[in-house]
């Protein structure tokens, strides 16, 4: 039998807390810790950590900037795949 959910469980609040934690760890030192270090510390996948940092607007890389530029221009995921040579999963991982 499934365990009943906590009465005050708020998935948006939980996600915001996770986002805040990832951003806090990432910004706590210079140079920034690697995505793998943050992922290991929180028990997450490095791709999820990158996506959270992109969503927060704090992660920058040439490919992330290019994918998001194409997205802002209204290009579809299919078009971004053709322009960048990335896989569908990779394109989605760079979008907030």
C-alpha atoms as a PDB file:
ATOM      1  CA  UNK A   1       0.000   0.000   0.000  1.00  0.00           C
ATOM      2  CA  UNK A   2       1.302   3.449  -0.910  1.00  0.00           C
ATOM      3  CA  UNK A   3       2.392   5.759   1.842  1.00  0.00           C
ATOM      4  CA  UNK A   4      -0.022   8.683   2.261  1.00  0.00           C
ATOM      5  CA  UNK A   5       1.287  12.093   1.272  1.00  0.00           C
ATOM      6  CA  UNK A   6       2.133  14.647   3.856  1.00  0.00           C
ATOM      7  CA  UNK A   7      -0.810  17.024   4.309  1.00  0.00           C
ATOM      8  CA  UNK A   8       1.170  20.156   3.609  1.00  0.00           C
ATOM      9  CA  UNK A   9       3.160  18.741   0.684  1.00  0.00           C
ATOM     10  CA  UNK A  10       3.627  21.454  -1.924  1.00  0.00           C
ATOM     11  CA  UNK A  11       5.597  20.250  -4.993  1.00  0.00           C
ATOM     12  CA  UNK A  12       6.271  23.823  -6.153  1.00  0.00           C
ATOM     13  CA  UNK A  13       7.725  24.703  -2.765  1.00  0.00           C
ATOM     14  CA  UNK A  14       9.890  21.575  -2.793  1.00  0.00           C
ATOM     15  CA  UNK A  15      11.157  22.398  -6.310  1.00  0.00           C
ATOM     16  CA  UNK A  16      11.881  26.014  -5.327  1.00  0.00           C
ATOM     17  CA  UNK A  17      13.823  24.834  -2.271  1.00  0.00           C
ATOM     18  CA  UNK A  18      15.854  22.457  -4.456  1.00  0.00           C
ATOM     19  CA  UNK A  19      16.505  25.249  -6.964  1.00  0.00           C
ATOM     20  CA  UNK A  20      17.599  27.597  -4.172  1.00  0.00           C
ATOM     21  CA  UNK A  21      19.916  24.941  -2.730  1.00  0.00           C
ATOM     22  CA  UNK A  22      21.562  24.195  -6.082  1.00  0.00           C
ATOM     23  CA  UNK A  23      22.052  27.913  -6.819  1.00  0.00           C
ATOM     24  CA  UNK A  24      23.453  28.480  -3.328  1.00  0.00           C
ATOM     25  CA  UNK A  25      26.022  25.691  -3.691  1.00  0.00           C
ATOM     26  CA  UNK A  26      26.958  26.808  -7.209  1.00  0.00           C
ATOM     27  CA  UNK A  27      27.453  30.428  -6.189  1.00  0.00           C
ATOM     28  CA  UNK A  28      29.154  29.734  -2.871  1.00  0.00           C
ATOM     29  CA  UNK A  29      32.661  29.582  -4.271  1.00  0.00           C
ATOM     30  CA  UNK A  30      34.787  30.771  -7.161  1.00  0.00           C
ATOM     31  CA  UNK A  31      35.514  29.009  -9.367  1.00  0.00           C
ATOM     32  CA  UNK A  32      32.121  27.364  -9.302  1.00  0.00           C
ATOM     33  CA  UNK A  33      32.040  23.718  -8.267  1.00  0.00           C
ATOM     34  CA  UNK A  34      31.492  21.273 -11.103  1.00  0.00           C
ATOM     35  CA  UNK A  35      27.998  20.045 -11.878  1.00  0.00           C
ATOM     36  CA  UNK A  36      29.123  16.554 -10.833  1.00  0.00           C
ATOM     37  CA  UNK A  37      30.249  17.763  -7.416  1.00  0.00           C
ATOM     38  CA  UNK A  38      26.903  19.479  -6.811  1.00  0.00           C
ATOM     39  CA  UNK A  39      25.003  16.456  -8.145  1.00  0.00           C
ATOM     40  CA  UNK A  40      26.917  14.079  -5.870  1.00  0.00           C
ATOM     41  CA  UNK A  41      26.317  16.293  -2.847  1.00  0.00           C
ATOM     42  CA  UNK A  42      22.546  16.386  -3.480  1.00  0.00           C
ATOM     43  CA  UNK A  43      22.059  12.919  -4.947  1.00  0.00           C
ATOM     44  CA  UNK A  44      21.012  14.313  -8.341  1.00  0.00           C
ATOM     45  CA  UNK A  45      22.019  13.794 -11.939  1.00  0.00           C
ATOM     46  CA  UNK A  46      24.486  16.445 -13.259  1.00  0.00           C
ATOM     47  CA  UNK A  47      22.115  17.151 -16.163  1.00  0.00           C
ATOM     48  CA  UNK A  48      19.336  17.969 -13.685  1.00  0.00           C
ATOM     49  CA  UNK A  49      21.710  20.290 -11.815  1.00  0.00           C
ATOM     50  CA  UNK A  50      22.580  22.069 -15.080  1.00  0.00           C
ATOM     51  CA  UNK A  51      18.905  22.431 -15.981  1.00  0.00           C
ATOM     52  CA  UNK A  52      18.124  23.921 -12.555  1.00  0.00           C
ATOM     53  CA  UNK A  53      20.997  26.395 -12.883  1.00  0.00           C
ATOM     54  CA  UNK A  54      19.866  27.368 -16.384  1.00  0.00           C
ATOM     55  CA  UNK A  55      16.318  27.823 -15.102  1.00  0.00           C
ATOM     56  CA  UNK A  56      17.664  30.099 -12.360  1.00  0.00           C
ATOM     57  CA  UNK A  57      19.613  32.061 -14.973  1.00  0.00           C
ATOM     58  CA  UNK A  58      23.010  31.530 -13.354  1.00  0.00           C
ATOM     59  CA  UNK A  59      24.605  28.883 -15.589  1.00  0.00           C
ATOM     60  CA  UNK A  60      26.425  30.096 -18.664  1.00  0.00           C
ATOM     61  CA  UNK A  61      28.151  28.162 -21.411  1.00  0.00           C
ATOM     62  CA  UNK A  62      28.534  28.708 -25.116  1.00  0.00           C
ATOM     63  CA  UNK A  63      26.180  25.872 -26.057  1.00  0.00           C
ATOM     64  CA  UNK A  64      23.596  26.745 -23.374  1.00  0.00           C
ATOM     65  CA  UNK A  65      23.565  30.343 -24.577  1.00  0.00           C
ATOM     66  CA  UNK A  66      23.213  29.272 -28.224  1.00  0.00           C
ATOM     67  CA  UNK A  67      20.368  26.807 -27.539  1.00  0.00           C
ATOM     68  CA  UNK A  68      18.485  29.407 -25.508  1.00  0.00           C
ATOM     69  CA  UNK A  69      19.086  32.084 -28.134  1.00  0.00           C
ATOM     70  CA  UNK A  70      17.552  29.827 -30.797  1.00  0.00           C
ATOM     71  CA  UNK A  71      14.653  29.066 -28.460  1.00  0.00           C
ATOM     72  CA  UNK A  72      13.994  32.765 -27.796  1.00  0.00           C
ATOM     73  CA  UNK A  73      14.019  33.335 -31.575  1.00  0.00           C
ATOM     74  CA  UNK A  74      11.110  30.891 -31.779  1.00  0.00           C
ATOM     75  CA  UNK A  75      12.998  27.975 -33.285  1.00  0.00           C
ATOM     76  CA  UNK A  76      11.514  24.553 -32.600  1.00  0.00           C
ATOM     77  CA  UNK A  77      13.418  21.791 -30.839  1.00  0.00           C
ATOM     78  CA  UNK A  78      13.738  20.060 -34.235  1.00  0.00           C
ATOM     79  CA  UNK A  79      15.345  23.172 -35.742  1.00  0.00           C
ATOM     80  CA  UNK A  80      17.702  23.528 -32.780  1.00  0.00           C
ATOM     81  CA  UNK A  81      18.733  19.881 -33.191  1.00  0.00           C
ATOM     82  CA  UNK A  82      19.613  20.517 -36.840  1.00  0.00           C
ATOM     83  CA  UNK A  83      21.472  23.750 -36.077  1.00  0.00           C
ATOM     84  CA  UNK A  84      23.518  22.413 -33.165  1.00  0.00           C
ATOM     85  CA  UNK A  85      23.888  18.702 -33.855  1.00  0.00           C
ATOM     86  CA  UNK A  86      22.693  17.954 -30.328  1.00  0.00           C
ATOM     87  CA  UNK A  87      20.318  15.131 -29.500  1.00  0.00           C
ATOM     88  CA  UNK A  88      16.710  15.869 -28.533  1.00  0.00           C
ATOM     89  CA  UNK A  89      17.489  15.045 -24.885  1.00  0.00           C
ATOM     90  CA  UNK A  90      20.482  17.387 -24.889  1.00  0.00           C
ATOM     91  CA  UNK A  91      18.481  20.251 -26.369  1.00  0.00           C
ATOM     92  CA  UNK A  92      15.791  19.812 -23.718  1.00  0.00           C
ATOM     93  CA  UNK A  93      18.465  19.682 -21.002  1.00  0.00           C
ATOM     94  CA  UNK A  94      19.692  23.151 -22.000  1.00  0.00           C
ATOM     95  CA  UNK A  95      16.220  24.722 -21.928  1.00  0.00           C
ATOM     96  CA  UNK A  96      14.798  26.121 -18.673  1.00  0.00           C
END
